[in-house]
N, C-alpha and C. Protein backbone atom coordinates (compact mmCIF):
# COMPACT_ATOMS: atom_id res chain seq x y z
N MET A 1 187.39 65.11 35.75
CA MET A 1 187.28 63.87 36.08
C MET A 1 185.84 64.18 35.60
N THR A 2 184.70 63.54 34.45
CA THR A 2 183.63 63.52 34.21
C THR A 2 182.88 61.89 34.19
N ILE A 3 181.55 61.89 34.66
CA ILE A 3 181.07 61.03 34.89
C ILE A 3 179.95 61.10 34.26
N THR A 4 180.16 59.74 32.90
CA THR A 4 179.15 59.25 32.07
C THR A 4 178.51 58.17 31.95
N ASN A 5 176.76 57.43 31.74
CA ASN A 5 176.32 57.03 31.64
C ASN A 5 176.54 56.12 33.42
N THR A 6 176.45 56.76 34.22
CA THR A 6 176.55 56.13 35.79
C THR A 6 174.87 56.91 35.83
N TYR A 7 174.04 55.52 37.15
CA TYR A 7 172.80 55.81 37.15
C TYR A 7 173.10 56.55 38.52
N LEU A 8 172.79 57.13 39.42
CA LEU A 8 172.51 57.68 40.18
C LEU A 8 171.48 57.66 41.36
N SER A 9 171.31 56.99 42.82
CA SER A 9 170.97 56.87 43.19
C SER A 9 170.60 57.51 44.50
N THR A 10 169.65 58.42 44.31
CA THR A 10 169.50 59.71 45.13
C THR A 10 169.35 59.18 46.78
N PRO A 11 169.20 59.76 47.55
CA PRO A 11 169.36 59.51 49.00
C PRO A 11 167.68 58.78 49.05
N GLY A 12 166.89 59.42 48.66
CA GLY A 12 165.91 59.35 48.59
C GLY A 12 165.34 57.60 48.49
N GLU A 13 165.74 57.75 47.11
CA GLU A 13 165.44 56.03 46.55
C GLU A 13 166.26 55.06 47.69
N ILE A 14 167.19 55.47 48.21
CA ILE A 14 168.30 54.72 49.29
C ILE A 14 167.22 54.65 50.56
N LEU A 15 166.34 55.69 51.05
CA LEU A 15 165.31 55.84 51.96
C LEU A 15 164.95 54.81 51.73
N LEU A 16 163.93 55.16 50.68
CA LEU A 16 162.64 54.20 50.39
C LEU A 16 163.33 52.63 50.20
N GLU A 17 164.26 52.00 49.18
CA GLU A 17 164.52 51.21 48.89
C GLU A 17 165.22 49.87 50.04
N GLU A 18 166.14 50.56 50.99
CA GLU A 18 167.61 50.01 51.89
C GLU A 18 166.27 50.32 52.94
N PHE A 19 165.24 51.00 53.64
CA PHE A 19 164.99 51.27 54.59
C PHE A 19 163.39 51.32 54.84
N LEU A 20 162.78 51.86 54.22
CA LEU A 20 161.43 52.15 54.25
C LEU A 20 160.50 50.34 53.62
N GLN A 21 161.25 50.10 52.77
CA GLN A 21 160.61 48.67 51.89
C GLN A 21 160.85 48.01 53.12
N PRO A 22 162.43 47.38 52.96
CA PRO A 22 162.39 45.92 53.38
C PRO A 22 162.20 45.97 55.50
N LEU A 23 162.13 47.04 55.69
CA LEU A 23 160.91 47.66 57.08
C LEU A 23 160.06 47.65 57.17
N GLY A 24 158.85 47.88 55.85
CA GLY A 24 157.68 48.00 56.03
C GLY A 24 156.86 49.03 56.36
N ILE A 25 157.98 49.69 56.41
CA ILE A 25 157.48 50.97 56.85
C ILE A 25 156.72 52.25 56.09
N SER A 26 155.55 52.49 56.00
CA SER A 26 155.42 53.70 54.91
C SER A 26 156.08 54.68 55.21
N GLN A 27 155.75 55.61 54.04
CA GLN A 27 156.13 56.71 53.69
C GLN A 27 155.40 58.12 54.75
N TYR A 28 154.34 57.26 54.80
CA TYR A 28 152.94 58.30 55.73
C TYR A 28 153.13 58.26 57.39
N ARG A 29 153.64 56.46 58.07
CA ARG A 29 154.36 56.03 58.87
C ARG A 29 155.63 56.97 59.48
N LEU A 30 156.55 56.75 58.16
CA LEU A 30 157.52 57.59 58.43
C LEU A 30 157.60 59.08 59.56
N ALA A 31 156.65 59.59 58.67
CA ALA A 31 156.35 61.03 58.97
C ALA A 31 155.53 60.99 59.96
N GLN A 32 154.73 60.76 60.13
CA GLN A 32 154.54 61.02 61.62
C GLN A 32 155.03 60.30 62.54
N ALA A 33 156.26 59.44 62.30
CA ALA A 33 157.13 58.50 63.88
C ALA A 33 157.85 60.35 63.98
N ILE A 34 158.35 61.23 62.98
CA ILE A 34 159.41 62.37 63.42
C ILE A 34 158.50 63.70 62.84
N GLY A 35 157.30 63.82 62.96
CA GLY A 35 157.08 64.57 63.31
C GLY A 35 156.13 65.94 61.93
N LYS A 36 156.77 65.20 60.46
CA LYS A 36 157.21 65.93 59.49
C LYS A 36 155.81 65.84 58.69
N PRO A 37 155.69 66.60 57.50
CA PRO A 37 154.65 66.33 56.54
C PRO A 37 154.69 64.95 55.65
N GLN A 38 154.01 64.43 55.37
CA GLN A 38 153.93 63.35 54.17
C GLN A 38 154.30 63.96 53.18
N SER A 39 154.32 64.70 53.08
CA SER A 39 154.62 65.33 51.68
C SER A 39 155.78 65.41 51.54
N ALA A 40 156.63 66.00 52.71
CA ALA A 40 158.09 66.29 52.77
C ALA A 40 158.58 65.15 52.77
N ILE A 41 158.41 63.69 53.15
CA ILE A 41 158.80 62.62 53.06
C ILE A 41 158.93 61.82 51.54
N SER A 42 157.67 62.19 50.94
CA SER A 42 157.31 61.55 49.43
C SER A 42 158.09 62.76 48.89
N ASP A 43 159.20 64.13 48.90
CA ASP A 43 159.15 64.84 47.74
C ASP A 43 161.09 64.12 48.12
N ILE A 44 161.19 63.71 49.20
CA ILE A 44 162.86 63.08 49.22
C ILE A 44 162.20 62.09 48.80
N VAL A 45 161.71 61.17 48.48
CA VAL A 45 161.79 59.56 47.75
C VAL A 45 161.85 59.99 46.98
N HIS A 46 161.39 61.28 46.39
CA HIS A 46 161.70 61.19 45.17
C HIS A 46 162.12 62.55 44.05
N GLY A 47 163.23 62.62 44.55
CA GLY A 47 164.55 63.15 44.57
C GLY A 47 164.26 64.60 44.29
N LYS A 48 162.90 65.22 44.59
CA LYS A 48 163.03 66.74 44.63
C LYS A 48 162.55 67.69 46.00
N ARG A 49 163.13 66.82 47.01
CA ARG A 49 163.66 67.78 47.78
C ARG A 49 165.13 67.32 48.67
N ALA A 50 166.20 67.45 48.93
CA ALA A 50 167.51 67.26 49.81
C ALA A 50 167.21 66.53 50.86
N ILE A 51 168.20 65.95 52.13
CA ILE A 51 167.93 65.82 53.39
C ILE A 51 168.64 66.84 53.59
N SER A 52 168.22 67.62 54.70
CA SER A 52 169.17 68.64 55.35
C SER A 52 169.04 67.93 56.88
N PRO A 53 170.11 68.85 57.41
CA PRO A 53 170.72 68.07 59.12
C PRO A 53 169.48 67.87 59.64
N GLU A 54 168.20 68.91 59.55
CA GLU A 54 167.54 68.20 60.49
C GLU A 54 166.34 67.24 60.57
N TYR A 55 166.40 66.82 58.75
CA TYR A 55 165.96 65.56 58.98
C TYR A 55 166.66 64.34 58.35
N ALA A 56 167.97 64.57 58.93
CA ALA A 56 168.97 63.33 58.40
C ALA A 56 169.44 63.37 60.24
N TRP A 57 169.27 64.11 61.15
CA TRP A 57 168.50 63.39 62.29
C TRP A 57 167.81 63.19 63.12
N LEU A 58 167.05 63.23 62.27
CA LEU A 58 165.35 62.46 62.35
C LEU A 58 165.24 61.06 61.79
N PHE A 59 165.65 61.14 60.44
CA PHE A 59 166.01 59.76 59.80
C PHE A 59 167.03 58.67 61.02
N GLY A 60 168.20 59.69 61.32
CA GLY A 60 169.06 58.48 61.87
C GLY A 60 168.19 58.49 63.24
N GLN A 61 167.39 58.86 63.92
CA GLN A 61 166.39 58.81 65.42
C GLN A 61 165.35 57.52 64.81
N ALA A 62 164.70 57.77 64.16
CA ALA A 62 163.76 57.01 63.70
C ALA A 62 164.28 55.36 62.99
N LEU A 63 165.19 55.61 62.83
CA LEU A 63 165.96 54.30 61.80
C LEU A 63 166.87 53.64 61.86
N GLY A 64 167.52 54.28 63.46
CA GLY A 64 168.75 53.60 64.04
C GLY A 64 169.91 53.76 63.60
N THR A 65 170.01 54.78 62.45
CA THR A 65 171.17 55.50 61.87
C THR A 65 172.34 56.55 62.43
N SER A 66 173.07 56.74 61.90
CA SER A 66 173.03 58.19 62.26
C SER A 66 172.68 59.45 61.56
N ALA A 67 172.96 60.33 61.50
CA ALA A 67 172.83 62.03 61.29
C ALA A 67 173.83 62.20 59.79
N GLN A 68 175.31 61.62 60.23
CA GLN A 68 176.38 61.52 59.76
C GLN A 68 175.82 60.93 58.06
N PHE A 69 175.42 59.84 58.55
CA PHE A 69 175.04 58.42 57.16
C PHE A 69 174.08 59.29 56.39
N TRP A 70 173.58 59.90 56.80
CA TRP A 70 172.33 60.79 55.69
C TRP A 70 172.93 61.71 55.24
N LEU A 71 173.31 62.54 55.75
CA LEU A 71 174.18 64.03 55.53
C LEU A 71 175.32 63.90 53.81
N ASN A 72 175.90 62.19 54.33
CA ASN A 72 176.86 61.77 53.84
C ASN A 72 176.15 61.25 52.44
N LEU A 73 174.58 60.69 52.82
CA LEU A 73 174.53 60.39 51.37
C LEU A 73 173.91 61.76 50.54
N GLU A 74 173.70 62.38 51.06
CA GLU A 74 173.15 63.79 50.49
C GLU A 74 173.95 64.45 49.58
N ASN A 75 175.76 64.50 50.49
CA ASN A 75 176.39 65.19 49.70
C ASN A 75 176.65 64.46 48.72
N GLU A 76 176.79 63.45 48.88
CA GLU A 76 178.48 62.31 48.08
C GLU A 76 177.01 62.54 46.44
N TYR A 77 175.90 62.76 46.39
CA TYR A 77 174.63 62.40 45.55
C TYR A 77 174.76 63.72 45.14
N ARG A 78 175.25 64.97 45.59
CA ARG A 78 175.35 66.38 44.83
C ARG A 78 176.56 66.29 44.65
N LEU A 79 177.60 65.91 45.02
CA LEU A 79 178.55 66.35 44.08
C LEU A 79 178.57 65.09 42.92
N LYS A 80 178.50 64.04 43.22
CA LYS A 80 178.45 63.54 41.41
C LYS A 80 177.25 63.95 40.56
N LEU A 81 176.19 64.54 41.07
CA LEU A 81 175.13 65.01 40.15
C LEU A 81 175.89 66.51 39.50
N LEU A 82 176.46 67.33 40.12
CA LEU A 82 177.56 68.36 39.91
C LEU A 82 178.68 67.99 38.68
N GLU A 83 179.37 67.31 39.05
CA GLU A 83 180.88 66.36 37.95
C GLU A 83 180.10 65.53 37.57
N LYS A 84 178.78 65.33 37.26
CA LYS A 84 177.73 64.68 35.80
C LYS A 84 177.80 65.72 34.93
N THR A 85 177.35 67.04 35.93
CA THR A 85 176.39 68.52 34.62
C THR A 85 177.50 69.18 34.36
N MET A 86 178.67 69.24 35.13
CA MET A 86 179.79 69.65 34.37
C MET A 86 180.54 69.79 33.42
N SER A 87 180.20 71.34 32.48
CA SER A 87 180.60 71.43 31.20
C SER A 87 181.84 71.47 30.91
N ARG A 88 182.34 72.30 31.86
CA ARG A 88 184.22 72.80 31.96
C ARG A 88 184.75 72.16 32.94
N SER A 89 186.22 72.12 32.63
CA SER A 89 186.94 71.87 34.05
C SER A 89 187.93 73.39 34.30
N VAL A 90 188.62 73.50 35.73
CA VAL A 90 188.40 74.31 35.92
C VAL A 90 190.33 73.98 35.75
N PRO A 91 191.71 74.96 35.64
CA PRO A 91 192.42 74.54 35.82
C PRO A 91 193.09 75.06 37.50
N GLN A 92 193.75 74.18 37.48
CA GLN A 92 194.44 73.24 39.26
C GLN A 92 195.31 74.35 39.48
N LEU A 93 195.21 75.55 40.55
CA LEU A 93 196.41 76.72 40.89
C LEU A 93 197.75 75.74 41.39
N ALA A 94 198.80 75.99 41.26
CA ALA A 94 199.65 75.68 41.23
C ALA A 94 199.81 76.73 42.64
N TYR A 95 200.91 76.29 43.81
CA TYR A 95 201.23 76.64 45.05
C TYR A 95 202.40 77.55 44.58
N ALA A 96 203.03 78.66 44.70
CA ALA A 96 203.73 79.47 44.09
C ALA A 96 205.09 79.38 45.55
């Protein structure tokens, strides 16, 4: 299955648009709250860095969500990105 002409929101965009902006929290304030560099938050927001399990846990604690929520966003994004960029299909192997 190939996905075409579908906009993929990065987990960082969701972090920014669904959490930080509505709550009036700056990237700097989030970074301070979780004890991580603001540059790391900025990289996540701009799609330059994936959300690791550690960051997922920290975001969950700071924003009242679960770590699994953030990991699911990251995994779903990565899978859709892969499906969008794969140029070949792999044959399905049948059980003998």
